[in-house]
Amino acid sequence: MPQNIKQRPSWDRVVRIKEQIHVAGTGRTRFYELSKDPDFPEEIILGKRARGRWLSELIAFIESRKHRSAWLREEGSDDA
């Protein structure tokens, strides 16, 4: 759910695709696969051909995936 700009951290900003891919630490193809996830941050239309996402939302998504993958690894270790 989008937040009001006044509720965002002072360091937060809208980042364009190159930086989004860099922050996610993936390649372009994997990034676009991730962006199809329903929980992925909503894209912001900045202009006719310009789009971005809030950095804080992108980081929160990445953190949630890290916690999820750690949980899945723990669950899988019981089976071994």
PDB file of N, CA and C in Angstrom:
ATOM      1  N   MET A   1       0.841  -1.176   0.000  1.00  0.00           N
ATOM      2  CA  MET A   1       0.000   0.000   0.000  1.00  0.00           C
ATOM      3  C   MET A   1       0.893   1.250   0.000  1.00  0.00           C
ATOM      4  N   PRO A   2       0.686   2.160  -0.940  1.00  0.00           N
ATOM      5  CA  PRO A   2       1.517   3.356  -1.005  1.00  0.00           C
ATOM      6  C   PRO A   2       1.336   4.246   0.219  1.00  0.00           C
ATOM      7  N   GLN A   3       2.441   4.848   0.619  1.00  0.00           N
ATOM      8  CA  GLN A   3       2.415   5.756   1.759  1.00  0.00           C
ATOM      9  C   GLN A   3       2.409   7.191   1.262  1.00  0.00           C
ATOM     10  N   ASN A   4       1.924   8.082   2.093  1.00  0.00           N
ATOM     11  CA  ASN A   4       2.021   9.498   1.813  1.00  0.00           C
ATOM     12  C   ASN A   4       3.496   9.888   1.855  1.00  0.00           C
ATOM     13  N   ILE A   5       3.920  10.793   1.007  1.00  0.00           N
ATOM     14  CA  ILE A   5       5.330  11.195   0.938  1.00  0.00           C
ATOM     15  C   ILE A   5       5.840  11.690   2.289  1.00  0.00           C
ATOM     16  N   LYS A   6       4.988  12.295   3.087  1.00  0.00           N
ATOM     17  CA  LYS A   6       5.408  12.805   4.397  1.00  0.00           C
ATOM     18  C   LYS A   6       5.695  11.677   5.379  1.00  0.00           C
ATOM     19  N   GLN A   7       5.186  10.481   5.133  1.00  0.00           N
ATOM     20  CA  GLN A   7       5.388   9.353   6.029  1.00  0.00           C
ATOM     21  C   GLN A   7       6.627   8.548   5.661  1.00  0.00           C
ATOM     22  N   ARG A   8       7.278   8.882   4.601  1.00  0.00           N
ATOM     23  CA  ARG A   8       8.439   8.123   4.132  1.00  0.00           C
ATOM     24  C   ARG A   8       9.704   8.580   4.862  1.00  0.00           C
ATOM     25  N   PRO A   9      10.692   7.675   4.982  1.00  0.00           N
ATOM     26  CA  PRO A   9      11.963   8.069   5.596  1.00  0.00           C
ATOM     27  C   PRO A   9      12.629   9.171   4.782  1.00  0.00           C
ATOM     28  N   SER A  10      13.454   9.962   5.426  1.00  0.00           N
ATOM     29  CA  SER A  10      14.101  11.091   4.748  1.00  0.00           C
ATOM     30  C   SER A  10      15.015  10.640   3.614  1.00  0.00           C
ATOM     31  N   TRP A  11      15.534   9.403   3.680  1.00  0.00           N
ATOM     32  CA  TRP A  11      16.441   8.915   2.654  1.00  0.00           C
ATOM     33  C   TRP A  11      15.712   8.316   1.451  1.00  0.00           C
ATOM     34  N   ASP A  12      14.405   8.140   1.567  1.00  0.00           N
ATOM     35  CA  ASP A  12      13.644   7.457   0.520  1.00  0.00           C
ATOM     36  C   ASP A  12      13.529   8.332  -0.728  1.00  0.00           C
ATOM     37  N   ARG A  13      13.532   7.665  -1.871  1.00  0.00           N
ATOM     38  CA  ARG A  13      13.396   8.359  -3.145  1.00  0.00           C
ATOM     39  C   ARG A  13      12.907   7.371  -4.184  1.00  0.00           C
ATOM     40  N   VAL A  14      12.486   7.878  -5.316  1.00  0.00           N
ATOM     41  CA  VAL A  14      12.053   7.030  -6.421  1.00  0.00           C
ATOM     42  C   VAL A  14      13.292   6.666  -7.230  1.00  0.00           C
ATOM     43  N   VAL A  15      13.447   5.357  -7.496  1.00  0.00           N
ATOM     44  CA  VAL A  15      14.601   4.897  -8.260  1.00  0.00           C
ATOM     45  C   VAL A  15      14.136   4.326  -9.590  1.00  0.00           C
ATOM     46  N   ARG A  16      14.940   4.558 -10.608  1.00  0.00           N
ATOM     47  CA  ARG A  16      14.640   4.083 -11.961  1.00  0.00           C
ATOM     48  C   ARG A  16      15.147   2.655 -12.129  1.00  0.00           C
ATOM     49  N   ILE A  17      14.874   2.037 -13.263  1.00  0.00           N
ATOM     50  CA  ILE A  17      15.099   0.614 -13.482  1.00  0.00           C
ATOM     51  C   ILE A  17      16.544   0.161 -13.264  1.00  0.00           C
ATOM     52  N   LYS A  18      17.524   0.907 -13.762  1.00  0.00           N
ATOM     53  CA  LYS A  18      18.921   0.476 -13.592  1.00  0.00           C
ATOM     54  C   LYS A  18      19.284   0.336 -12.124  1.00  0.00           C
ATOM     55  N   GLU A  19      18.881   1.307 -11.333  1.00  0.00           N
ATOM     56  CA  GLU A  19      19.187   1.254  -9.909  1.00  0.00           C
ATOM     57  C   GLU A  19      18.356   0.184  -9.202  1.00  0.00           C
ATOM     58  N   GLN A  20      17.128  -0.036  -9.640  1.00  0.00           N
ATOM     59  CA  GLN A  20      16.299  -1.087  -9.052  1.00  0.00           C
ATOM     60  C   GLN A  20      16.975  -2.444  -9.224  1.00  0.00           C
ATOM     61  N   ILE A  21      17.493  -2.698 -10.422  1.00  0.00           N
ATOM     62  CA  ILE A  21      18.171  -3.958 -10.702  1.00  0.00           C
ATOM     63  C   ILE A  21      19.428  -4.075  -9.850  1.00  0.00           C
ATOM     64  N   HIS A  22      20.157  -2.975  -9.716  1.00  0.00           N
ATOM     65  CA  HIS A  22      21.369  -2.970  -8.894  1.00  0.00           C
ATOM     66  C   HIS A  22      21.036  -3.272  -7.427  1.00  0.00           C
ATOM     67  N   VAL A  23      20.014  -2.626  -6.903  1.00  0.00           N
ATOM     68  CA  VAL A  23      19.608  -2.824  -5.512  1.00  0.00           C
ATOM     69  C   VAL A  23      19.151  -4.273  -5.291  1.00  0.00           C
ATOM     70  N   ALA A  24      18.423  -4.819  -6.253  1.00  0.00           N
ATOM     71  CA  ALA A  24      17.924  -6.192  -6.132  1.00  0.00           C
ATOM     72  C   ALA A  24      19.053  -7.210  -6.250  1.00  0.00           C
ATOM     73  N   GLY A  25      20.148  -6.825  -6.877  1.00  0.00           N
ATOM     74  CA  GLY A  25      21.284  -7.728  -7.011  1.00  0.00           C
ATOM     75  C   GLY A  25      21.015  -8.882  -7.968  1.00  0.00           C
ATOM     76  N   THR A  26      20.215  -8.617  -8.979  1.00  0.00           N
ATOM     77  CA  THR A  26      19.876  -9.645  -9.958  1.00  0.00           C
ATOM     78  C   THR A  26      20.209  -9.147 -11.356  1.00  0.00           C
ATOM     79  N   GLY A  27      20.027 -10.011 -12.314  1.00  0.00           N
ATOM     80  CA  GLY A  27      20.109  -9.607 -13.707  1.00  0.00           C
ATOM     81  C   GLY A  27      18.770  -9.038 -14.143  1.00  0.00           C
ATOM     82  N   ARG A  28      18.752  -8.458 -15.324  1.00  0.00           N
ATOM     83  CA  ARG A  28      17.538  -7.828 -15.838  1.00  0.00           C
ATOM     84  C   ARG A  28      16.389  -8.840 -15.975  1.00  0.00           C
ATOM     85  N   THR A  29      16.668 -10.014 -16.525  1.00  0.00           N
ATOM     86  CA  THR A  29      15.612 -11.009 -16.726  1.00  0.00           C
ATOM     87  C   THR A  29      15.011 -11.456 -15.400  1.00  0.00           C
ATOM     88  N   ARG A  30      15.856 -11.780 -14.425  1.00  0.00           N
ATOM     89  CA  ARG A  30      15.373 -12.208 -13.103  1.00  0.00           C
ATOM     90  C   ARG A  30      14.579 -11.086 -12.433  1.00  0.00           C
ATOM     91  N   PHE A  31      15.035  -9.853 -12.616  1.00  0.00           N
ATOM     92  CA  PHE A  31      14.329  -8.718 -12.031  1.00  0.00           C
ATOM     93  C   PHE A  31      12.913  -8.629 -12.585  1.00  0.00           C
ATOM     94  N   TYR A  32      12.774  -8.778 -13.895  1.00  0.00           N
ATOM     95  CA  TYR A  32      11.437  -8.710 -14.488  1.00  0.00           C
ATOM     96  C   TYR A  32      10.566  -9.887 -14.052  1.00  0.00           C
ATOM     97  N   GLU A  33      11.170 -11.043 -13.819  1.00  0.00           N
ATOM     98  CA  GLU A  33      10.411 -12.175 -13.273  1.00  0.00           C
ATOM     99  C   GLU A  33       9.905 -11.834 -11.873  1.00  0.00           C
ATOM    100  N   LEU A  34      10.781 -11.256 -11.045  1.00  0.00           N
ATOM    101  CA  LEU A  34      10.384 -10.859  -9.689  1.00  0.00           C
ATOM    102  C   LEU A  34       9.272  -9.817  -9.717  1.00  0.00           C
ATOM    103  N   SER A  35       9.335  -8.906 -10.680  1.00  0.00           N
ATOM    104  CA  SER A  35       8.359  -7.816 -10.735  1.00  0.00           C
ATOM    105  C   SER A  35       6.942  -8.321 -11.021  1.00  0.00           C
ATOM    106  N   LYS A  36       6.803  -9.567 -11.454  1.00  0.00           N
ATOM    107  CA  LYS A  36       5.477 -10.142 -11.687  1.00  0.00           C
ATOM    108  C   LYS A  36       4.836 -10.648 -10.390  1.00  0.00           C
ATOM    109  N   ASP A  37       5.629 -10.736  -9.322  1.00  0.00           N
ATOM    110  CA  ASP A  37       5.120 -11.158  -8.021  1.00  0.00           C
ATOM    111  C   ASP A  37       4.075 -10.140  -7.548  1.00  0.00           C
ATOM    112  N   PRO A  38       2.915 -10.605  -7.073  1.00  0.00           N
ATOM    113  CA  PRO A  38       1.868  -9.668  -6.635  1.00  0.00           C
ATOM    114  C   PRO A  38       2.306  -8.765  -5.475  1.00  0.00           C
ATOM    115  N   ASP A  39       3.307  -9.189  -4.706  1.00  0.00           N
ATOM    116  CA  ASP A  39       3.784  -8.379  -3.582  1.00  0.00           C
ATOM    117  C   ASP A  39       4.864  -7.383  -3.987  1.00  0.00           C
ATOM    118  N   PHE A  40       5.292  -7.424  -5.247  1.00  0.00           N
ATOM    119  CA  PHE A  40       6.359  -6.533  -5.709  1.00  0.00           C
ATOM    120  C   PHE A  40       5.854  -5.090  -5.674  1.00  0.00           C
ATOM    121  N   PRO A  41       6.726  -4.138  -5.318  1.00  0.00           N
ATOM    122  CA  PRO A  41       6.292  -2.739  -5.227  1.00  0.00           C
ATOM    123  C   PRO A  41       5.676  -2.221  -6.530  1.00  0.00           C
ATOM    124  N   GLU A  42       4.663  -1.421  -6.360  1.00  0.00           N
ATOM    125  CA  GLU A  42       3.947  -0.842  -7.492  1.00  0.00           C
ATOM    126  C   GLU A  42       4.830   0.174  -8.227  1.00  0.00           C
ATOM    127  N   GLU A  43       4.723   0.153  -9.535  1.00  0.00           N
ATOM    128  CA  GLU A  43       5.490   1.083 -10.360  1.00  0.00           C
ATOM    129  C   GLU A  43       4.826   2.460 -10.311  1.00  0.00           C
ATOM    130  N   ILE A  44       5.666   3.482 -10.330  1.00  0.00           N
ATOM    131  CA  ILE A  44       5.189   4.860 -10.312  1.00  0.00           C
ATOM    132  C   ILE A  44       5.454   5.448 -11.696  1.00  0.00           C
ATOM    133  N   ILE A  45       4.445   6.027 -12.297  1.00  0.00           N
ATOM    134  CA  ILE A  45       4.619   6.645 -13.611  1.00  0.00           C
ATOM    135  C   ILE A  45       5.113   8.070 -13.390  1.00  0.00           C
ATOM    136  N   LEU A  46       6.327   8.327 -13.886  1.00  0.00           N
ATOM    137  CA  LEU A  46       6.952   9.634 -13.707  1.00  0.00           C
ATOM    138  C   LEU A  46       6.764  10.539 -14.922  1.00  0.00           C
ATOM    139  N   GLY A  47       6.552   9.933 -16.053  1.00  0.00           N
ATOM    140  CA  GLY A  47       6.378  10.682 -17.294  1.00  0.00           C
ATOM    141  C   GLY A  47       5.953   9.739 -18.395  1.00  0.00           C
ATOM    142  N   LYS A  48       5.996  10.219 -19.625  1.00  0.00           N
ATOM    143  CA  LYS A  48       5.540   9.423 -20.754  1.00  0.00           C
ATOM    144  C   LYS A  48       6.303   8.100 -20.873  1.00  0.00           C
ATOM    145  N   ARG A  49       7.629   8.142 -20.693  1.00  0.00           N
ATOM    146  CA  ARG A  49       8.444   6.920 -20.798  1.00  0.00           C
ATOM    147  C   ARG A  49       9.246   6.641 -19.534  1.00  0.00           C
ATOM    148  N   ALA A  50       8.999   7.382 -18.491  1.00  0.00           N
ATOM    149  CA  ALA A  50       9.779   7.249 -17.254  1.00  0.00           C
ATOM    150  C   ALA A  50       8.944   6.592 -16.160  1.00  0.00           C
ATOM    151  N   ARG A  51       9.539   5.586 -15.547  1.00  0.00           N
ATOM    152  CA  ARG A  51       8.881   4.858 -14.471  1.00  0.00           C
ATOM    153  C   ARG A  51       9.880   4.634 -13.342  1.00  0.00           C
ATOM    154  N   GLY A  52       9.378   4.414 -12.143  1.00  0.00           N
ATOM    155  CA  GLY A  52      10.250   4.158 -11.011  1.00  0.00           C
ATOM    156  C   GLY A  52       9.485   3.469  -9.896  1.00  0.00           C
ATOM    157  N   ARG A  53      10.216   3.187  -8.821  1.00  0.00           N
ATOM    158  CA  ARG A  53       9.621   2.608  -7.619  1.00  0.00           C
ATOM    159  C   ARG A  53      10.266   3.261  -6.409  1.00  0.00           C
ATOM    160  N   TRP A  54       9.528   3.291  -5.289  1.00  0.00           N
ATOM    161  CA  TRP A  54      10.105   3.815  -4.065  1.00  0.00           C
ATOM    162  C   TRP A  54      11.194   2.866  -3.585  1.00  0.00           C
ATOM    163  N   LEU A  55      12.346   3.415  -3.246  1.00  0.00           N
ATOM    164  CA  LEU A  55      13.477   2.625  -2.774  1.00  0.00           C
ATOM    165  C   LEU A  55      13.109   1.847  -1.513  1.00  0.00           C
ATOM    166  N   SER A  56      12.409   2.466  -0.590  1.00  0.00           N
ATOM    167  CA  SER A  56      12.042   1.793   0.665  1.00  0.00           C
ATOM    168  C   SER A  56      11.158   0.576   0.406  1.00  0.00           C
ATOM    169  N   GLU A  57      10.237   0.666  -0.545  1.00  0.00           N
ATOM    170  CA  GLU A  57       9.360  -0.460  -0.857  1.00  0.00           C
ATOM    171  C   GLU A  57      10.142  -1.584  -1.516  1.00  0.00           C
ATOM    172  N   LEU A  58      11.089  -1.234  -2.369  1.00  0.00           N
ATOM    173  CA  LEU A  58      11.926  -2.241  -3.022  1.00  0.00           C
ATOM    174  C   LEU A  58      12.786  -2.973  -1.990  1.00  0.00           C
ATOM    175  N   ILE A  59      13.379  -2.233  -1.077  1.00  0.00           N
ATOM    176  CA  ILE A  59      14.202  -2.837  -0.027  1.00  0.00           C
ATOM    177  C   ILE A  59      13.354  -3.741   0.864  1.00  0.00           C
ATOM    178  N   ALA A  60      12.156  -3.285   1.222  1.00  0.00           N
ATOM    179  CA  ALA A  60      11.262  -4.103   2.063  1.00  0.00           C
ATOM    180  C   ALA A  60      10.902  -5.409   1.351  1.00  0.00           C
ATOM    181  N   PHE A  61      10.651  -5.357   0.047  1.00  0.00           N
ATOM    182  CA  PHE A  61      10.338  -6.562  -0.711  1.00  0.00           C
ATOM    183  C   PHE A  61      11.521  -7.524  -0.693  1.00  0.00           C
ATOM    184  N   ILE A  62      12.709  -7.005  -0.932  1.00  0.00           N
ATOM    185  CA  ILE A  62      13.915  -7.834  -0.947  1.00  0.00           C
ATOM    186  C   ILE A  62      14.124  -8.471   0.422  1.00  0.00           C
ATOM    187  N   GLU A  63      13.963  -7.698   1.482  1.00  0.00           N
ATOM    188  CA  GLU A  63      14.116  -8.226   2.841  1.00  0.00           C
ATOM    189  C   GLU A  63      13.094  -9.331   3.110  1.00  0.00           C
ATOM    190  N   SER A  64      11.872  -9.162   2.651  1.00  0.00           N
ATOM    191  CA  SER A  64      10.850 -10.193   2.875  1.00  0.00           C
ATOM    192  C   SER A  64      11.207 -11.466   2.133  1.00  0.00           C
ATOM    193  N   ARG A  65      11.818 -11.353   0.969  1.00  0.00           N
ATOM    194  CA  ARG A  65      12.237 -12.533   0.210  1.00  0.00           C
ATOM    195  C   ARG A  65      13.398 -13.230   0.923  1.00  0.00           C
ATOM    196  N   LYS A  66      14.313 -12.454   1.515  1.00  0.00           N
ATOM    197  CA  LYS A  66      15.436 -13.054   2.240  1.00  0.00           C
ATOM    198  C   LYS A  66      14.921 -13.855   3.430  1.00  0.00           C
ATOM    199  N   HIS A  67      13.966 -13.282   4.175  1.00  0.00           N
ATOM    200  CA  HIS A  67      13.400 -13.986   5.330  1.00  0.00           C
ATOM    201  C   HIS A  67      12.660 -15.231   4.868  1.00  0.00           C
ATOM    202  N   ARG A  68      11.951 -15.129   3.759  1.00  0.00           N
ATOM    203  CA  ARG A  68      11.199 -16.262   3.230  1.00  0.00           C
ATOM    204  C   ARG A  68      12.145 -17.384   2.809  1.00  0.00           C
ATOM    205  N   SER A  69      13.247 -17.024   2.123  1.00  0.00           N
ATOM    206  CA  SER A  69      14.170 -18.065   1.666  1.00  0.00           C
ATOM    207  C   SER A  69      14.875 -18.722   2.854  1.00  0.00           C
ATOM    208  N   ALA A  70      15.167 -17.954   3.904  1.00  0.00           N
ATOM    209  CA  ALA A  70      15.776 -18.537   5.103  1.00  0.00           C
ATOM    210  C   ALA A  70      14.799 -19.511   5.758  1.00  0.00           C
ATOM    211  N   TRP A  71      13.527 -19.136   5.799  1.00  0.00           N
ATOM    212  CA  TRP A  71      12.507 -20.003   6.377  1.00  0.00           C
ATOM    213  C   TRP A  71      12.392 -21.287   5.558  1.00  0.00           C
ATOM    214  N   LEU A  72      12.406 -21.164   4.223  1.00  0.00           N
ATOM    215  CA  LEU A  72      12.300 -22.346   3.370  1.00  0.00           C
ATOM    216  C   LEU A  72      13.507 -23.264   3.549  1.00  0.00           C
ATOM    217  N   ARG A  73      14.704 -22.683   3.721  1.00  0.00           N
ATOM    218  CA  ARG A  73      15.905 -23.494   3.950  1.00  0.00           C
ATOM    219  C   ARG A  73      15.784 -24.250   5.275  1.00  0.00           C
ATOM    220  N   GLU A  74      15.264 -23.571   6.307  1.00  0.00           N
ATOM    221  CA  GLU A  74      15.087 -24.229   7.607  1.00  0.00           C
ATOM    222  C   GLU A  74      14.076 -25.353   7.510  1.00  0.00           C
ATOM    223  N   GLU A  75      12.989 -25.124   6.798  1.00  0.00           N
ATOM    224  CA  GLU A  75      11.965 -26.151   6.626  1.00  0.00           C
ATOM    225  C   GLU A  75      12.535 -27.349   5.877  1.00  0.00           C
ATOM    226  N   GLY A  76      13.333 -27.094   4.866  1.00  0.00           N
ATOM    227  CA  GLY A  76      13.921 -28.154   4.065  1.00  0.00           C
ATOM    228  C   GLY A  76      14.962 -28.954   4.825  1.00  0.00           C
ATOM    229  N   SER A  77      15.622 -28.350   5.803  1.00  0.00           N
ATOM    230  CA  SER A  77      16.664 -29.044   6.549  1.00  0.00           C
ATOM    231  C   SER A  77      16.093 -30.149   7.435  1.00  0.00           C
ATOM    232  N   ASP A  78      14.807 -30.051   7.797  1.00  0.00           N
ATOM    233  CA  ASP A  78      14.181 -31.098   8.610  1.00  0.00           C
ATOM    234  C   ASP A  78      14.015 -32.394   7.825  1.00  0.00           C
ATOM    235  N   ASP A  79      13.882 -32.270   6.499  1.00  0.00           N
ATOM    236  CA  ASP A  79      13.673 -33.436   5.655  1.00  0.00           C
ATOM    237  C   ASP A  79      14.946 -34.210   5.392  1.00  0.00           C
ATOM    238  N   ALA A  80      16.090 -33.584   5.566  1.00  0.00           N
ATOM    239  CA  ALA A  80      17.368 -34.216   5.221  1.00  0.00           C
ATOM    240  C   ALA A  80      17.808 -35.207   6.261  1.00  0.00           C
TER     241      ALA A  80
END
